[in-house]
């Protein structure tokens, strides 16, 4: 009888074996942003895990060149640190400016800007659904990539620090 119970237990547990490890393996190994289509893709092993709508800097066309230009950078960067207490809910830092950006800004004798993030909604936005939807219709950031707070929670959980991000025009 005891062996029968153990056998039954094994049969019940076996289908769930590995679920925890497979959930952990869902972390993205790359983030791709397509500015022209206003989409952010989480990628693992060349396959899209998730894709999300985004809003960009208030002047979204073209590569960020200087502080205050309202543009979202284009190029290859790293998601290198995060802020759980951001005034925009949560935020993950994009390593802009990179060396190329710094060199070009220096040639123009301009400040390239910094603190470009993927972030959620500003704290001042009411929690009502219509306000959140309104906020995510038009490009409004200073160069960051904004998503809704529920999307930010998913990105936060699926993208570890050190993940490369490619931002395409």
Protein backbone atom coordinates (compact mmCIF):
# COMPACT_ATOMS: atom_id res chain seq x y z
CA UNK A 1 0.00 0.00 0.00
CA UNK A 2 2.82 2.43 0.89
CA UNK A 3 4.56 1.83 -2.46
CA UNK A 4 1.27 2.48 -4.23
CA UNK A 5 0.95 5.87 -2.49
CA UNK A 6 4.50 6.83 -3.44
CA UNK A 7 3.85 5.78 -7.04
CA UNK A 8 0.65 7.84 -7.10
CA UNK A 9 2.46 10.86 -5.65
CA UNK A 10 5.17 10.58 -8.31
CA UNK A 11 2.52 10.44 -11.04
CA UNK A 12 0.85 13.56 -9.65
CA UNK A 13 4.07 15.57 -9.24
CA UNK A 14 5.85 14.53 -12.44
CA UNK A 15 3.88 16.79 -14.81
CA UNK A 16 4.86 19.82 -12.69
CA UNK A 17 8.54 18.94 -12.46
CA UNK A 18 10.59 21.72 -14.02
CA UNK A 19 7.86 24.37 -14.03
CA UNK A 20 9.81 26.62 -11.67
CA UNK A 21 12.98 26.30 -13.71
CA UNK A 22 11.12 26.86 -16.99
CA UNK A 23 9.51 30.01 -15.55
CA UNK A 24 12.97 31.28 -14.62
CA UNK A 25 14.27 30.52 -18.11
CA UNK A 26 11.74 32.93 -19.61
CA UNK A 27 14.07 35.86 -18.98
CA UNK A 28 14.80 37.85 -22.11
CA UNK A 29 18.35 37.86 -23.42
CA UNK A 30 17.74 40.90 -25.65
CA UNK A 31 15.33 43.82 -25.94
CA UNK A 32 14.50 45.28 -29.34
CA UNK A 33 12.73 48.62 -29.78
CA UNK A 34 11.20 49.54 -33.14
CA UNK A 35 10.57 53.29 -32.94
CA UNK A 36 8.71 53.55 -36.25
CA UNK A 37 6.16 50.94 -35.16
CA UNK A 38 6.24 51.99 -31.49
CA UNK A 39 6.86 48.45 -30.23
CA UNK A 40 9.19 46.92 -27.67
CA UNK A 41 10.08 43.22 -28.06
CA UNK A 42 11.50 40.91 -25.42
CA UNK A 43 13.60 38.26 -27.15
CA UNK A 44 15.12 34.98 -25.98
CA UNK A 45 17.22 32.82 -28.29
CA UNK A 46 16.06 34.76 -31.34
CA UNK A 47 12.36 34.22 -30.54
CA UNK A 48 9.96 36.93 -29.41
CA UNK A 49 8.73 36.22 -25.86
CA UNK A 50 6.53 39.32 -25.59
CA UNK A 51 5.85 42.52 -27.47
CA UNK A 52 4.37 45.74 -26.15
CA UNK A 53 3.16 49.13 -27.36
CA UNK A 54 5.35 52.07 -26.29
CA UNK A 55 5.49 55.83 -26.40
CA UNK A 56 8.69 57.73 -27.04
CA UNK A 57 10.28 61.13 -26.70
CA UNK A 58 8.03 64.00 -27.77
CA UNK A 59 10.21 64.53 -30.86
CA UNK A 60 10.62 60.84 -31.80
CA UNK A 61 12.08 60.94 -35.33
CA UNK A 62 15.86 60.61 -35.48
CA UNK A 63 18.64 59.78 -33.04
CA UNK A 64 19.08 61.68 -29.79
CA UNK A 65 21.88 64.22 -30.21
CA UNK A 66 21.70 66.51 -27.20
CA UNK A 67 20.03 67.07 -23.87
CA UNK A 68 16.55 68.49 -24.24
CA UNK A 69 15.97 67.51 -27.88
CA UNK A 70 13.03 65.23 -26.96
CA UNK A 71 14.42 62.35 -29.02
CA UNK A 72 14.77 58.71 -28.06
CA UNK A 73 18.27 57.39 -28.86
CA UNK A 74 18.93 54.83 -31.59
CA UNK A 75 21.65 52.21 -31.46
CA UNK A 76 23.01 49.46 -29.22
CA UNK A 77 23.00 49.89 -25.47
CA UNK A 78 22.69 47.90 -22.24
CA UNK A 79 19.97 47.89 -19.60
CA UNK A 80 22.37 48.40 -16.72
CA UNK A 81 20.48 49.38 -13.56
CA UNK A 82 16.96 49.89 -12.24
CA UNK A 83 15.03 52.18 -9.93
CA UNK A 84 12.14 50.59 -8.02
CA UNK A 85 11.14 53.99 -6.58
CA UNK A 86 11.05 56.04 -9.78
CA UNK A 87 8.71 59.00 -10.09
CA UNK A 88 7.53 57.07 -13.17
CA UNK A 89 6.46 53.97 -11.18
CA UNK A 90 9.51 51.80 -11.94
CA UNK A 91 12.35 52.40 -14.38
CA UNK A 92 15.23 50.55 -16.03
CA UNK A 93 18.20 52.59 -17.24
CA UNK A 94 19.44 52.46 -20.85
CA UNK A 95 23.22 53.01 -21.07
CA UNK A 96 22.89 56.10 -23.29
CA UNK A 97 25.16 57.84 -24.10
CA UNK A 98 27.61 55.23 -25.36
CA UNK A 99 31.13 56.10 -26.54
CA UNK A 100 29.94 56.91 -30.06
CA UNK A 101 27.23 59.23 -28.73
CA UNK A 102 29.75 60.97 -26.45
CA UNK A 103 32.22 61.46 -29.30
CA UNK A 104 29.60 62.97 -31.62
CA UNK A 105 28.29 65.27 -28.88
CA UNK A 106 31.83 66.39 -28.11
CA UNK A 107 32.39 67.17 -31.81
CA UNK A 108 29.25 69.33 -31.74
CA UNK A 109 30.24 70.77 -28.36
CA UNK A 110 26.89 69.73 -26.90
CA UNK A 111 25.72 67.83 -23.84
CA UNK A 112 24.38 64.47 -25.15
CA UNK A 113 21.88 64.13 -22.29
CA UNK A 114 21.51 61.12 -20.04
CA UNK A 115 19.11 59.21 -17.78
CA UNK A 116 17.24 57.57 -20.65
CA UNK A 117 14.98 54.91 -19.16
CA UNK A 118 12.24 52.41 -19.87
CA UNK A 119 9.57 53.43 -17.37
CA UNK A 120 5.93 53.32 -16.36
CA UNK A 121 3.42 56.11 -15.85
CA UNK A 122 4.18 59.25 -13.85
CA UNK A 123 3.08 59.16 -10.22
CA UNK A 124 0.73 62.11 -10.79
CA UNK A 125 -1.41 60.16 -13.26
CA UNK A 126 -4.66 58.99 -11.62
CA UNK A 127 -5.12 55.25 -11.38
CA UNK A 128 -8.31 55.38 -13.45
CA UNK A 129 -8.11 53.51 -16.74
CA UNK A 130 -9.05 56.44 -19.04
CA UNK A 131 -6.17 58.53 -17.67
CA UNK A 132 -3.66 55.75 -18.30
CA UNK A 133 -4.95 55.19 -21.83
CA UNK A 134 -4.80 58.92 -22.58
CA UNK A 135 -1.19 59.07 -21.41
CA UNK A 136 -0.11 56.27 -23.74
CA UNK A 137 -1.58 57.62 -26.99
CA UNK A 138 0.94 60.36 -27.81
CA UNK A 139 4.72 60.59 -27.50
CA UNK A 140 5.41 62.71 -24.42
CA UNK A 141 8.70 61.74 -22.74
CA UNK A 142 11.97 63.66 -22.77
CA UNK A 143 13.57 60.75 -24.68
CA UNK A 144 12.62 57.77 -22.55
CA UNK A 145 10.52 54.75 -23.55
CA UNK A 146 7.25 54.69 -21.60
CA UNK A 147 4.84 51.80 -21.08
CA UNK A 148 1.84 51.22 -18.84
CA UNK A 149 2.58 50.13 -15.28
CA UNK A 150 1.32 46.59 -15.83
CA UNK A 151 3.64 46.23 -18.83
CA UNK A 152 6.48 47.74 -16.77
CA UNK A 153 5.91 45.01 -14.17
CA UNK A 154 6.35 42.33 -16.84
CA UNK A 155 9.48 43.94 -18.27
CA UNK A 156 10.85 44.39 -14.74
CA UNK A 157 10.43 40.66 -14.05
CA UNK A 158 11.58 39.32 -17.43
CA UNK A 159 14.62 41.52 -18.16
CA UNK A 160 17.70 41.19 -15.94
CA UNK A 161 20.31 43.92 -15.56
CA UNK A 162 23.00 43.60 -18.23
CA UNK A 163 20.54 42.75 -21.02
CA UNK A 164 21.43 44.34 -24.38
CA UNK A 165 18.88 46.66 -25.97
CA UNK A 166 18.81 47.64 -29.64
CA UNK A 167 16.78 50.72 -30.54
CA UNK A 168 15.95 50.95 -34.24
CA UNK A 169 14.57 53.98 -36.11
